[in-house]
Amino acid sequence: MLLKKQTVWLLTMLSLVVVLSVYYITTPEQKSNELAAVKQEEKADQKETKTDTKTDTEAKDGDTIISQVAGDEEFEALRLKLQDERSELKEQLNAVVATTNLPADERSEAVDQMKKLNEIAQKEEMLETLIKAMNYEDALVRADGSTVKIIVKSNKESSKSEANAIIQMVKKEIGETNYVAVEFQPTK
């Protein structure tokens, strides 16, 4: 049975639509970079209003107001910076994957690196959630290769046993770590 050119073309297009649909459905949802720009503008506006209100309050009462917003902004700024660095690296890896003149093994290696970046980001988010569940206000986890740096915001006194518990949890979740550093920041 010989197929006509139109039938072959139709079947090719249908299979392409199916493959693209499956790819679209199975890929994780990407966060918009515009949202980050809007958040940064809002934070800049908040900083301006915060300094204005602080000086007004000091002039009226003579007391100073201590706010947790500054620490939260630092954590969010670090998170955004890390996310931006990773998104740039993913774009570079996507460019490598899209290049057709490279050997298949190099493109495969780029895909593997992208998967590893996604896994690291997911593990960091999970560890932050687990640390917050240990009655800490906030946590920032940064994993770079075999090192993991953790900054924990806490309103209670930190101890070596608490840091050790966090280190053990990190080593259980991320197996290939050689160096884990935990830093406690008191809330203001």
C-alpha atoms as a PDB file:
ATOM      1  CA  MET A   1       0.000   0.000   0.000  1.00  0.00           C
ATOM      2  CA  LEU A   2       1.530   3.232  -1.134  1.00  0.00           C
ATOM      3  CA  LEU A   3       0.653   6.403   0.778  1.00  0.00           C
ATOM      4  CA  LYS A   4       0.096   9.670  -0.979  1.00  0.00           C
ATOM      5  CA  LYS A   5       2.275  12.668  -0.228  1.00  0.00           C
ATOM      6  CA  GLN A   6      -0.628  14.506   1.378  1.00  0.00           C
ATOM      7  CA  THR A   7      -1.337  11.609   3.735  1.00  0.00           C
ATOM      8  CA  VAL A   8       2.312  11.398   4.794  1.00  0.00           C
ATOM      9  CA  TRP A   9       2.394  15.145   5.353  1.00  0.00           C
ATOM     10  CA  LEU A  10      -0.803  15.004   7.411  1.00  0.00           C
ATOM     11  CA  LEU A  11       0.461  12.149   9.573  1.00  0.00           C
ATOM     12  CA  THR A  12       3.770  13.947  10.133  1.00  0.00           C
ATOM     13  CA  MET A  13       2.040  17.138  11.239  1.00  0.00           C
ATOM     14  CA  LEU A  14      -0.334  15.250  13.558  1.00  0.00           C
ATOM     15  CA  SER A  15       2.534  13.380  15.192  1.00  0.00           C
ATOM     16  CA  LEU A  16       4.397  16.678  15.642  1.00  0.00           C
ATOM     17  CA  VAL A  17       1.349  18.232  17.316  1.00  0.00           C
ATOM     18  CA  VAL A  18       1.048  15.240  19.664  1.00  0.00           C
ATOM     19  CA  VAL A  19       4.732  15.341  20.613  1.00  0.00           C
ATOM     20  CA  LEU A  20       4.632  19.091  21.266  1.00  0.00           C
ATOM     21  CA  SER A  21       1.447  18.745  23.318  1.00  0.00           C
ATOM     22  CA  VAL A  22       3.001  16.066  25.520  1.00  0.00           C
ATOM     23  CA  TYR A  23       6.134  18.177  25.946  1.00  0.00           C
ATOM     24  CA  TYR A  24       4.096  21.252  26.896  1.00  0.00           C
ATOM     25  CA  ILE A  25       2.020  19.325  29.425  1.00  0.00           C
ATOM     26  CA  THR A  26       4.957  17.581  31.112  1.00  0.00           C
ATOM     27  CA  THR A  27       7.335  20.550  31.424  1.00  0.00           C
ATOM     28  CA  PRO A  28       7.219  22.411  34.751  1.00  0.00           C
ATOM     29  CA  GLU A  29       5.728  25.871  34.736  1.00  0.00           C
ATOM     30  CA  GLN A  30       8.328  28.631  34.377  1.00  0.00           C
ATOM     31  CA  LYS A  31       8.119  31.767  36.487  1.00  0.00           C
ATOM     32  CA  SER A  32       7.958  34.992  34.568  1.00  0.00           C
ATOM     33  CA  ASN A  33      10.933  37.348  34.695  1.00  0.00           C
ATOM     34  CA  GLU A  34       8.519  40.280  34.534  1.00  0.00           C
ATOM     35  CA  LEU A  35       7.176  39.268  37.935  1.00  0.00           C
ATOM     36  CA  ALA A  36      10.666  39.582  39.397  1.00  0.00           C
ATOM     37  CA  ALA A  37      11.037  43.064  37.918  1.00  0.00           C
ATOM     38  CA  VAL A  38       7.684  44.110  39.381  1.00  0.00           C
ATOM     39  CA  LYS A  39       8.649  42.732  42.801  1.00  0.00           C
ATOM     40  CA  GLN A  40      11.948  44.618  42.699  1.00  0.00           C
ATOM     41  CA  GLU A  41      10.116  47.863  41.879  1.00  0.00           C
ATOM     42  CA  GLU A  42       7.657  47.233  44.730  1.00  0.00           C
ATOM     43  CA  LYS A  43      10.555  46.597  47.124  1.00  0.00           C
ATOM     44  CA  ALA A  44      12.225  49.827  46.060  1.00  0.00           C
ATOM     45  CA  ASP A  45       8.949  51.670  46.705  1.00  0.00           C
ATOM     46  CA  GLN A  46       8.636  49.947  50.092  1.00  0.00           C
ATOM     47  CA  LYS A  47      12.165  51.012  51.029  1.00  0.00           C
ATOM     48  CA  GLU A  48      11.349  54.623  50.196  1.00  0.00           C
ATOM     49  CA  THR A  49       8.124  54.609  52.212  1.00  0.00           C
ATOM     50  CA  LYS A  50       9.817  52.745  55.068  1.00  0.00           C
ATOM     51  CA  THR A  51      12.542  55.359  55.440  1.00  0.00           C
ATOM     52  CA  ASP A  52       9.960  58.149  55.276  1.00  0.00           C
ATOM     53  CA  THR A  53       7.728  56.606  57.934  1.00  0.00           C
ATOM     54  CA  LYS A  54      10.675  55.796  60.165  1.00  0.00           C
ATOM     55  CA  THR A  55      11.859  59.384  60.267  1.00  0.00           C
ATOM     56  CA  ASP A  56       8.316  60.607  60.894  1.00  0.00           C
ATOM     57  CA  THR A  57       7.874  58.192  63.774  1.00  0.00           C
ATOM     58  CA  GLU A  58      11.227  59.049  65.303  1.00  0.00           C
ATOM     59  CA  ALA A  59      10.408  62.744  65.174  1.00  0.00           C
ATOM     60  CA  LYS A  60       7.038  62.302  66.904  1.00  0.00           C
ATOM     61  CA  ASP A  61       7.825  59.655  69.528  1.00  0.00           C
ATOM     62  CA  GLY A  62      11.579  59.745  69.892  1.00  0.00           C
ATOM     63  CA  ASP A  63      11.585  55.924  69.679  1.00  0.00           C
ATOM     64  CA  THR A  64      12.918  53.837  66.850  1.00  0.00           C
ATOM     65  CA  ILE A  65      10.950  51.168  65.056  1.00  0.00           C
ATOM     66  CA  ILE A  66      12.607  47.863  64.334  1.00  0.00           C
ATOM     67  CA  SER A  67      11.200  46.022  61.351  1.00  0.00           C
ATOM     68  CA  GLN A  68      11.728  42.548  59.950  1.00  0.00           C
ATOM     69  CA  VAL A  69      11.246  43.784  56.401  1.00  0.00           C
ATOM     70  CA  ALA A  70      14.955  44.496  55.878  1.00  0.00           C
ATOM     71  CA  GLY A  71      15.963  40.905  56.629  1.00  0.00           C
ATOM     72  CA  ASP A  72      13.194  39.545  54.442  1.00  0.00           C
ATOM     73  CA  GLU A  73      14.296  41.811  51.613  1.00  0.00           C
ATOM     74  CA  GLU A  74      17.855  40.524  51.920  1.00  0.00           C
ATOM     75  CA  PHE A  75      16.655  36.920  51.695  1.00  0.00           C
ATOM     76  CA  GLU A  76      14.421  37.698  48.733  1.00  0.00           C
ATOM     77  CA  ALA A  77      17.210  39.600  46.973  1.00  0.00           C
ATOM     78  CA  LEU A  78      19.554  36.631  47.422  1.00  0.00           C
ATOM     79  CA  ARG A  79      16.870  34.252  46.151  1.00  0.00           C
ATOM     80  CA  LEU A  80      16.219  36.428  43.100  1.00  0.00           C
ATOM     81  CA  LYS A  81      19.936  36.691  42.365  1.00  0.00           C
ATOM     82  CA  LEU A  82      20.362  32.923  42.583  1.00  0.00           C
ATOM     83  CA  GLN A  83      17.294  32.380  40.413  1.00  0.00           C
ATOM     84  CA  ASP A  84      18.581  34.852  37.812  1.00  0.00           C
ATOM     85  CA  GLU A  85      21.988  33.146  37.683  1.00  0.00           C
ATOM     86  CA  ARG A  86      20.356  29.760  37.207  1.00  0.00           C
ATOM     87  CA  SER A  87      17.979  31.014  34.535  1.00  0.00           C
ATOM     88  CA  GLU A  88      20.923  32.486  32.595  1.00  0.00           C
ATOM     89  CA  LEU A  89      22.753  29.162  32.850  1.00  0.00           C
ATOM     90  CA  LYS A  90      19.623  27.333  31.683  1.00  0.00           C
ATOM     91  CA  GLU A  91      19.352  29.671  28.703  1.00  0.00           C
ATOM     92  CA  GLN A  92      22.954  28.930  27.780  1.00  0.00           C
ATOM     93  CA  LEU A  93      22.322  25.202  28.092  1.00  0.00           C
ATOM     94  CA  ASN A  94      19.151  25.528  26.008  1.00  0.00           C
ATOM     95  CA  ALA A  95      21.212  27.245  23.314  1.00  0.00           C
ATOM     96  CA  VAL A  96      23.666  24.328  23.382  1.00  0.00           C
ATOM     97  CA  VAL A  97      20.808  21.832  23.112  1.00  0.00           C
ATOM     98  CA  ALA A  98      19.246  23.752  20.224  1.00  0.00           C
ATOM     99  CA  THR A  99      22.508  23.820  18.267  1.00  0.00           C
ATOM    100  CA  THR A 100      22.267  21.134  15.627  1.00  0.00           C
ATOM    101  CA  ASN A 101      25.918  21.087  14.569  1.00  0.00           C
ATOM    102  CA  LEU A 102      27.150  19.849  17.967  1.00  0.00           C
ATOM    103  CA  PRO A 103      27.594  16.130  18.648  1.00  0.00           C
ATOM    104  CA  ALA A 104      24.750  14.343  20.392  1.00  0.00           C
ATOM    105  CA  ASP A 105      26.805  13.598  23.505  1.00  0.00           C
ATOM    106  CA  GLU A 106      27.457  17.306  24.172  1.00  0.00           C
ATOM    107  CA  ARG A 107      23.777  18.127  23.779  1.00  0.00           C
ATOM    108  CA  SER A 108      22.877  15.196  26.021  1.00  0.00           C
ATOM    109  CA  GLU A 109      25.326  16.476  28.633  1.00  0.00           C
ATOM    110  CA  ALA A 110      23.662  19.908  28.480  1.00  0.00           C
ATOM    111  CA  VAL A 111      20.241  18.316  29.019  1.00  0.00           C
ATOM    112  CA  ASP A 112      21.628  16.387  31.997  1.00  0.00           C
ATOM    113  CA  GLN A 113      23.021  19.600  33.482  1.00  0.00           C
ATOM    114  CA  MET A 114      19.618  21.278  33.079  1.00  0.00           C
ATOM    115  CA  LYS A 115      17.942  18.368  34.879  1.00  0.00           C
ATOM    116  CA  LYS A 116      20.518  18.572  37.663  1.00  0.00           C
ATOM    117  CA  LEU A 117      19.903  22.329  38.053  1.00  0.00           C
ATOM    118  CA  ASN A 118      16.169  21.695  38.373  1.00  0.00           C
ATOM    119  CA  GLU A 119      16.747  18.947  40.933  1.00  0.00           C
ATOM    120  CA  ILE A 120      19.047  21.179  43.000  1.00  0.00           C
ATOM    121  CA  ALA A 121      16.501  24.003  42.966  1.00  0.00           C
ATOM    122  CA  GLN A 122      13.748  21.631  44.088  1.00  0.00           C
ATOM    123  CA  LYS A 123      15.913  20.216  46.879  1.00  0.00           C
ATOM    124  CA  GLU A 124      16.793  23.727  48.061  1.00  0.00           C
ATOM    125  CA  GLU A 125      13.117  24.697  48.226  1.00  0.00           C
ATOM    126  CA  MET A 126      12.280  21.494  50.069  1.00  0.00           C
ATOM    127  CA  LEU A 127      15.090  22.043  52.581  1.00  0.00           C
ATOM    128  CA  GLU A 128      13.952  25.634  53.168  1.00  0.00           C
ATOM    129  CA  THR A 129      10.456  24.347  53.880  1.00  0.00           C
ATOM    130  CA  LEU A 130      11.764  21.654  56.243  1.00  0.00           C
ATOM    131  CA  ILE A 131      13.920  24.164  58.122  1.00  0.00           C
ATOM    132  CA  LYS A 132      10.978  26.551  58.472  1.00  0.00           C
ATOM    133  CA  ALA A 133       8.968  23.605  59.839  1.00  0.00           C
ATOM    134  CA  MET A 134      11.560  23.347  62.621  1.00  0.00           C
ATOM    135  CA  ASN A 135      10.140  26.626  64.075  1.00  0.00           C
ATOM    136  CA  TYR A 136      12.528  29.000  62.331  1.00  0.00           C
ATOM    137  CA  GLU A 137      11.235  32.185  60.747  1.00  0.00           C
ATOM    138  CA  ASP A 138      13.013  31.885  57.410  1.00  0.00           C
ATOM    139  CA  ALA A 139      15.810  29.958  55.749  1.00  0.00           C
ATOM    140  CA  LEU A 140      17.918  30.361  52.644  1.00  0.00           C
ATOM    141  CA  VAL A 141      19.634  27.307  51.175  1.00  0.00           C
ATOM    142  CA  ARG A 142      22.254  27.615  48.420  1.00  0.00           C
ATOM    143  CA  ALA A 143      23.773  24.449  46.990  1.00  0.00           C
ATOM    144  CA  ASP A 144      26.826  24.823  44.760  1.00  0.00           C
ATOM    145  CA  GLY A 145      28.357  21.525  43.769  1.00  0.00           C
ATOM    146  CA  SER A 146      29.500  19.749  46.895  1.00  0.00           C
ATOM    147  CA  THR A 147      28.984  22.733  49.220  1.00  0.00           C
ATOM    148  CA  VAL A 148      25.719  23.826  50.819  1.00  0.00           C
ATOM    149  CA  LYS A 149      25.395  27.166  52.588  1.00  0.00           C
ATOM    150  CA  ILE A 150      22.387  27.748  54.823  1.00  0.00           C
ATOM    151  CA  ILE A 151      21.326  31.002  56.454  1.00  0.00           C
ATOM    152  CA  VAL A 152      18.628  30.601  59.085  1.00  0.00           C
ATOM    153  CA  LYS A 153      16.678  33.497  60.545  1.00  0.00           C
ATOM    154  CA  SER A 154      15.735  32.729  64.115  1.00  0.00           C
ATOM    155  CA  ASN A 155      14.390  34.628  67.084  1.00  0.00           C
ATOM    156  CA  LYS A 156      15.821  32.150  69.568  1.00  0.00           C
ATOM    157  CA  GLU A 157      19.381  31.417  70.637  1.00  0.00           C
ATOM    158  CA  SER A 158      21.214  29.125  68.253  1.00  0.00           C
ATOM    159  CA  SER A 159      23.108  26.112  69.478  1.00  0.00           C
ATOM    160  CA  LYS A 160      25.502  23.601  68.019  1.00  0.00           C
ATOM    161  CA  SER A 161      22.914  20.825  68.361  1.00  0.00           C
ATOM    162  CA  GLU A 162      20.398  22.795  66.268  1.00  0.00           C
ATOM    163  CA  ALA A 163      23.025  23.443  63.602  1.00  0.00           C
ATOM    164  CA  ASN A 164      23.992  19.773  63.683  1.00  0.00           C
ATOM    165  CA  ALA A 165      20.345  18.730  63.227  1.00  0.00           C
ATOM    166  CA  ILE A 166      20.093  20.979  60.175  1.00  0.00           C
ATOM    167  CA  ILE A 167      23.370  19.618  58.759  1.00  0.00           C
ATOM    168  CA  GLN A 168      22.204  16.016  59.228  1.00  0.00           C
ATOM    169  CA  MET A 169      18.902  16.800  57.507  1.00  0.00           C
ATOM    170  CA  VAL A 170      20.746  18.404  54.569  1.00  0.00           C
ATOM    171  CA  LYS A 171      23.110  15.438  54.194  1.00  0.00           C
ATOM    172  CA  LYS A 172      20.138  13.081  54.234  1.00  0.00           C
ATOM    173  CA  GLU A 173      18.296  15.021  51.525  1.00  0.00           C
ATOM    174  CA  ILE A 174      21.306  15.960  49.362  1.00  0.00           C
ATOM    175  CA  GLY A 175      23.662  13.014  49.469  1.00  0.00           C
ATOM    176  CA  GLU A 176      26.682  14.324  47.544  1.00  0.00           C
ATOM    177  CA  THR A 177      27.621  17.171  49.887  1.00  0.00           C
ATOM    178  CA  ASN A 178      31.082  17.461  51.387  1.00  0.00           C
ATOM    179  CA  TYR A 179      30.728  20.795  53.154  1.00  0.00           C
ATOM    180  CA  VAL A 180      27.623  22.184  54.867  1.00  0.00           C
ATOM    181  CA  ALA A 181      27.735  25.592  56.564  1.00  0.00           C
ATOM    182  CA  VAL A 182      24.897  26.847  58.785  1.00  0.00           C
ATOM    183  CA  GLU A 183      24.697  30.494  59.768  1.00  0.00           C
ATOM    184  CA  PHE A 184      22.107  31.804  62.205  1.00  0.00           C
ATOM    185  CA  GLN A 185      20.833  35.366  61.863  1.00  0.00           C
ATOM    186  CA  PRO A 186      18.885  36.804  64.755  1.00  0.00           C
ATOM    187  CA  THR A 187      15.659  38.559  63.870  1.00  0.00           C
ATOM    188  CA  LYS A 188      15.564  42.215  64.635  1.00  0.00           C
END
